[in-house]
């Protein structure tokens, strides 16, 4: 599925809605963990997240329901 760039604000709001939490802030990325605690992903500190990175975040957080980022 081809994704469009997503605003970081929209992505963070969707992560909070799914009960994800920011675990750490190091370097150019923030580390986020899903509600179940088994999956983590890196979110870059940019205003706009590229389509490839959005796809990687969705794959990393595979425990979240399908279509959670809309």
Protein backbone atom coordinates (compact mmCIF):
# COMPACT_ATOMS: atom_id res chain seq x y z
CA UNK A 1 0.00 0.00 0.00
CA UNK A 2 1.59 3.31 -1.03
CA UNK A 3 1.63 5.81 1.80
CA UNK A 4 1.82 9.58 1.66
CA UNK A 5 4.10 11.59 3.93
CA UNK A 6 2.54 12.00 7.36
CA UNK A 7 2.85 14.91 9.75
CA UNK A 8 4.66 13.94 12.94
CA UNK A 9 1.82 15.48 14.94
CA UNK A 10 -0.70 13.13 13.28
CA UNK A 11 1.56 10.11 13.79
CA UNK A 12 2.15 10.88 17.49
CA UNK A 13 -1.60 11.39 18.06
CA UNK A 14 -2.31 8.00 16.44
CA UNK A 15 0.36 6.33 18.59
CA UNK A 16 -1.13 7.84 21.76
CA UNK A 17 -4.60 6.69 20.71
CA UNK A 18 -3.25 3.12 20.48
CA UNK A 19 -1.71 3.43 23.99
CA UNK A 20 1.86 3.54 22.75
CA UNK A 21 4.44 5.30 24.90
CA UNK A 22 7.69 7.11 24.23
CA UNK A 23 10.48 5.08 25.81
CA UNK A 24 13.54 7.21 25.08
CA UNK A 25 14.87 10.19 23.17
CA UNK A 26 18.36 9.75 21.79
CA UNK A 27 19.99 11.31 18.77
CA UNK A 28 17.80 11.95 15.76
CA UNK A 29 15.03 9.51 16.75
CA UNK A 30 12.52 8.84 19.50
CA UNK A 31 11.91 5.24 20.57
CA UNK A 32 8.24 4.27 20.93
CA UNK A 33 6.81 1.07 22.42
CA UNK A 34 3.39 -0.45 21.77
CA UNK A 35 0.85 -1.09 24.53
CA UNK A 36 1.66 -4.81 24.77
CA UNK A 37 5.32 -3.98 25.41
CA UNK A 38 6.72 -6.44 22.86
CA UNK A 39 7.29 -4.14 19.87
CA UNK A 40 9.28 -0.93 19.51
CA UNK A 41 9.95 1.47 16.67
CA UNK A 42 12.04 4.56 15.96
CA UNK A 43 10.29 7.79 15.00
CA UNK A 44 12.51 10.48 13.46
CA UNK A 45 12.48 14.01 14.85
CA UNK A 46 11.19 15.67 11.71
CA UNK A 47 8.01 17.59 11.02
CA UNK A 48 7.07 15.28 8.17
CA UNK A 49 7.65 11.52 8.13
CA UNK A 50 8.43 10.02 4.72
CA UNK A 51 6.25 7.24 3.24
CA UNK A 52 9.00 4.61 3.57
CA UNK A 53 9.49 5.40 7.26
CA UNK A 54 5.72 5.35 7.85
CA UNK A 55 5.59 1.87 6.32
CA UNK A 56 8.48 0.72 8.55
CA UNK A 57 6.74 2.05 11.67
CA UNK A 58 3.55 0.18 10.76
CA UNK A 59 5.53 -3.03 10.21
CA UNK A 60 7.45 -2.60 13.49
CA UNK A 61 4.24 -2.18 15.48
CA UNK A 62 2.53 -5.22 13.99
CA UNK A 63 0.43 -5.87 17.12
CA UNK A 64 -1.63 -2.73 16.48
CA UNK A 65 -4.94 -3.19 14.62
CA UNK A 66 -4.92 -2.90 10.84
CA UNK A 67 -5.59 0.64 9.66
CA UNK A 68 -4.62 2.31 12.96
CA UNK A 69 -2.92 5.16 11.10
CA UNK A 70 -5.62 6.84 9.03
